[in-house]
Amino acid sequence: MQIIRLSIILVYAFLCTSCEGFFDNIKDRVPNTTMEIEDPIRHYYPVVRGDKLKVTYKFKNAGEHTLLIEDVQASCGCITTNNFKRSIAPGNFGYLEFEYDSTKNIGYVEHYVLIVANIEDTFSNEVKFATNVVSDPLYIKDYEQIYQEQQNTNAAEGLVEGDAKLKYYIPKN
């Protein structure tokens, strides 16, 4: 019995000492810099349940060293991200693109996306967006019907006249 306790304690001690932290890895490789995000807090106009909302954040490396984005973590599995692992030279701009799938939500939703990078002091930055997901006023569809419609969508739809779902406003604090 004591051998089992001792082995559990040793394994736990090994795990605690071997994982010094993800942020230490960033700090050892690249000096810290500053990241400025344009409009990090947004409120989008309502979307119909089942629609997808494309969200793009423009950011700038405002520091003196290369900005290295290591990870992007969304607060919900309904948000997919683009290829985010890259480095941005000092003074240059970059874009983070997300796609929010409103299929399984209804009502007011608020999502956070954590950006892990070699940023001074915090090693991370955060963006936030919110919207209201509303039901189709003519017919309330169940999950299976929404899924079938998504499988049969026309990719060229909305490209000619633009997409009204991409409009947002910035709240005043």
Protein backbone atom coordinates (compact mmCIF):
# COMPACT_ATOMS: atom_id res chain seq x y z
CA MET A 1 0.00 0.00 0.00
CA GLN A 2 2.82 2.40 0.81
CA ILE A 3 4.54 1.53 -2.45
CA ILE A 4 1.45 2.67 -4.37
CA ARG A 5 1.28 5.93 -2.38
CA LEU A 6 4.98 6.52 -2.90
CA SER A 7 4.72 5.88 -6.65
CA ILE A 8 1.73 8.25 -6.93
CA ILE A 9 3.65 10.95 -5.05
CA LEU A 10 6.71 10.45 -7.27
CA VAL A 11 4.66 10.62 -10.48
CA TYR A 12 2.90 13.76 -9.23
CA ALA A 13 6.20 15.38 -8.26
CA PHE A 14 7.68 14.51 -11.66
CA LEU A 15 4.72 16.05 -13.49
CA CYS A 16 4.86 19.22 -11.41
CA THR A 17 8.57 19.74 -11.94
CA SER A 18 8.70 18.74 -15.61
CA CYS A 19 5.94 21.15 -16.65
CA GLU A 20 7.51 24.42 -15.66
CA GLY A 21 5.01 26.20 -17.81
CA PHE A 22 4.11 26.93 -21.35
CA PHE A 23 4.97 30.60 -20.93
CA ASP A 24 8.56 29.87 -19.84
CA ASN A 25 9.08 28.21 -23.22
CA ILE A 26 8.03 31.39 -25.01
CA LYS A 27 10.11 33.58 -22.74
CA ASP A 28 13.28 31.56 -23.39
CA ARG A 29 12.94 31.69 -27.18
CA VAL A 30 11.89 35.24 -27.99
CA PRO A 31 12.07 38.53 -26.05
CA ASN A 32 8.75 40.07 -25.02
CA THR A 33 6.95 42.59 -27.20
CA THR A 34 3.67 44.52 -27.35
CA MET A 35 0.53 43.54 -29.26
CA GLU A 36 -2.21 46.04 -30.11
CA ILE A 37 -5.58 44.70 -31.31
CA GLU A 38 -8.03 46.94 -33.17
CA ASP A 39 -11.52 46.77 -31.63
CA PRO A 40 -10.94 43.82 -29.26
CA ILE A 41 -14.51 44.01 -27.90
CA ARG A 42 -17.35 43.77 -30.44
CA HIS A 43 -21.11 43.31 -30.45
CA TYR A 44 -22.42 41.93 -33.74
CA TYR A 45 -25.94 42.34 -35.02
CA PRO A 46 -28.25 39.33 -34.53
CA VAL A 47 -27.71 36.22 -36.64
CA VAL A 48 -30.26 33.57 -37.55
CA ARG A 49 -29.68 30.25 -35.83
CA GLY A 50 -27.63 27.99 -38.06
CA ASP A 51 -25.74 30.81 -39.77
CA LYS A 52 -21.98 31.19 -39.53
CA LEU A 53 -20.38 34.47 -38.53
CA LYS A 54 -16.87 35.27 -39.74
CA VAL A 55 -14.92 37.41 -37.29
CA THR A 56 -11.56 38.99 -38.18
CA TYR A 57 -9.33 40.93 -35.79
CA LYS A 58 -6.50 43.10 -37.06
CA PHE A 59 -3.52 43.42 -34.74
CA LYS A 60 -0.16 45.15 -34.78
CA ASN A 61 3.19 44.26 -33.30
CA ALA A 62 3.82 47.58 -31.56
CA GLY A 63 6.97 46.39 -29.79
CA GLU A 64 10.64 46.22 -30.69
CA HIS A 65 10.90 42.42 -31.00
CA THR A 66 9.22 39.76 -33.14
CA LEU A 67 5.72 38.77 -32.02
CA LEU A 68 5.37 34.99 -31.88
CA ILE A 69 1.80 33.67 -31.56
CA GLU A 70 1.95 30.24 -29.94
CA ASP A 71 -1.69 29.34 -29.35
CA VAL A 72 -5.25 30.61 -29.80
CA GLN A 73 -7.88 29.20 -27.43
CA ALA A 74 -11.58 29.81 -28.02
CA SER A 75 -14.13 29.71 -25.20
CA CYS A 76 -16.45 27.46 -27.23
CA GLY A 77 -16.11 24.52 -29.57
CA CYS A 78 -18.42 26.35 -31.97
CA ILE A 79 -15.52 28.67 -32.92
CA THR A 80 -12.93 27.54 -35.43
CA THR A 81 -9.69 29.38 -36.04
CA ASN A 82 -7.37 29.80 -38.99
CA ASN A 83 -3.68 28.92 -38.99
CA PHE A 84 -2.49 31.17 -36.18
CA LYS A 85 1.08 29.97 -35.52
CA ARG A 86 3.23 32.63 -37.08
CA SER A 87 5.61 35.43 -36.30
CA ILE A 88 5.02 39.12 -36.96
CA ALA A 89 7.95 41.51 -37.37
CA PRO A 90 8.01 44.75 -35.33
CA GLY A 91 5.68 47.39 -36.77
CA ASN A 92 3.81 44.93 -39.02
CA PHE A 93 0.13 43.96 -38.98
CA GLY A 94 -1.53 40.56 -38.88
CA TYR A 95 -5.05 39.13 -38.86
CA LEU A 96 -6.74 36.52 -36.71
CA GLU A 97 -9.77 34.94 -38.36
CA PHE A 98 -12.48 33.00 -36.57
CA GLU A 99 -15.72 31.41 -37.69
CA TYR A 100 -18.59 31.13 -35.22
CA ASP A 101 -21.23 28.46 -35.93
CA SER A 102 -24.54 29.45 -34.31
CA THR A 103 -26.27 26.10 -34.92
CA LYS A 104 -26.39 24.98 -31.29
CA ASN A 105 -26.99 28.37 -29.67
CA ILE A 106 -30.02 30.55 -29.13
CA GLY A 107 -30.29 33.96 -27.46
CA TYR A 108 -27.43 36.17 -26.31
CA VAL A 109 -23.98 34.60 -26.66
CA GLU A 110 -20.64 36.03 -25.64
CA HIS A 111 -17.34 34.43 -26.57
CA TYR A 112 -13.74 35.04 -25.60
CA VAL A 113 -10.63 34.06 -27.53
CA LEU A 114 -7.31 33.93 -25.69
CA ILE A 115 -4.17 34.64 -27.71
CA VAL A 116 -1.00 33.20 -26.18
CA ALA A 117 2.16 34.94 -27.36
CA ASN A 118 5.35 36.60 -26.16
CA ILE A 119 3.44 39.65 -24.90
CA GLU A 120 4.90 41.74 -22.08
CA ASP A 121 3.71 41.01 -18.53
CA THR A 122 0.74 38.71 -19.27
CA PHE A 123 1.98 36.48 -22.14
CA SER A 124 -1.58 36.55 -23.45
CA ASN A 125 -4.16 38.88 -24.93
CA GLU A 126 -7.91 38.46 -25.27
CA VAL A 127 -10.60 39.40 -27.74
CA LYS A 128 -14.32 39.22 -27.12
CA PHE A 129 -17.37 39.23 -29.35
CA ALA A 130 -21.07 38.89 -28.67
CA THR A 131 -24.24 38.51 -30.69
CA ASN A 132 -27.85 37.44 -30.38
CA VAL A 133 -28.79 34.20 -32.08
CA VAL A 134 -32.42 34.34 -33.15
CA SER A 135 -34.75 31.75 -34.59
CA ASP A 136 -35.99 32.00 -38.14
CA PRO A 137 -39.22 34.02 -37.84
CA LEU A 138 -41.07 31.92 -40.39
CA TYR A 139 -40.11 28.46 -39.21
CA ILE A 140 -38.29 27.07 -36.22
CA LYS A 141 -36.01 24.30 -37.41
CA ASP A 142 -34.56 21.52 -35.36
CA TYR A 143 -30.87 20.64 -35.31
CA GLU A 144 -31.10 17.95 -38.03
CA GLN A 145 -32.83 20.28 -40.49
CA ILE A 146 -30.23 23.01 -39.94
CA TYR A 147 -27.44 20.49 -40.48
CA GLN A 148 -28.97 19.24 -43.74
CA GLU A 149 -29.29 22.81 -45.03
CA GLN A 150 -25.64 23.49 -44.25
CA GLN A 151 -24.60 20.49 -46.28
CA ASN A 152 -26.53 21.79 -49.31
CA THR A 153 -25.49 25.47 -49.25
CA ASN A 154 -24.34 27.37 -52.31
CA ALA A 155 -20.80 28.72 -51.78
CA ALA A 156 -21.34 31.71 -54.09
CA GLU A 157 -24.33 33.00 -52.12
CA GLY A 158 -23.71 36.41 -50.53
CA LEU A 159 -20.58 37.19 -52.55
CA VAL A 160 -22.20 39.56 -55.06
CA GLU A 161 -23.89 42.09 -52.76
CA GLY A 162 -21.79 41.51 -49.61
CA ASP A 163 -22.86 40.05 -46.32
CA ALA A 164 -24.79 42.09 -43.75
CA LYS A 165 -23.72 39.74 -40.96
CA LEU A 166 -20.21 41.21 -41.01
CA LYS A 167 -21.35 44.54 -39.58
CA TYR A 168 -20.64 45.31 -35.94
CA TYR A 169 -20.39 48.21 -33.55
CA ILE A 170 -17.94 49.07 -30.79
CA PRO A 171 -19.47 49.67 -27.34
CA LYS A 172 -18.53 52.86 -25.50
CA ASN A 173 -17.15 52.24 -22.04
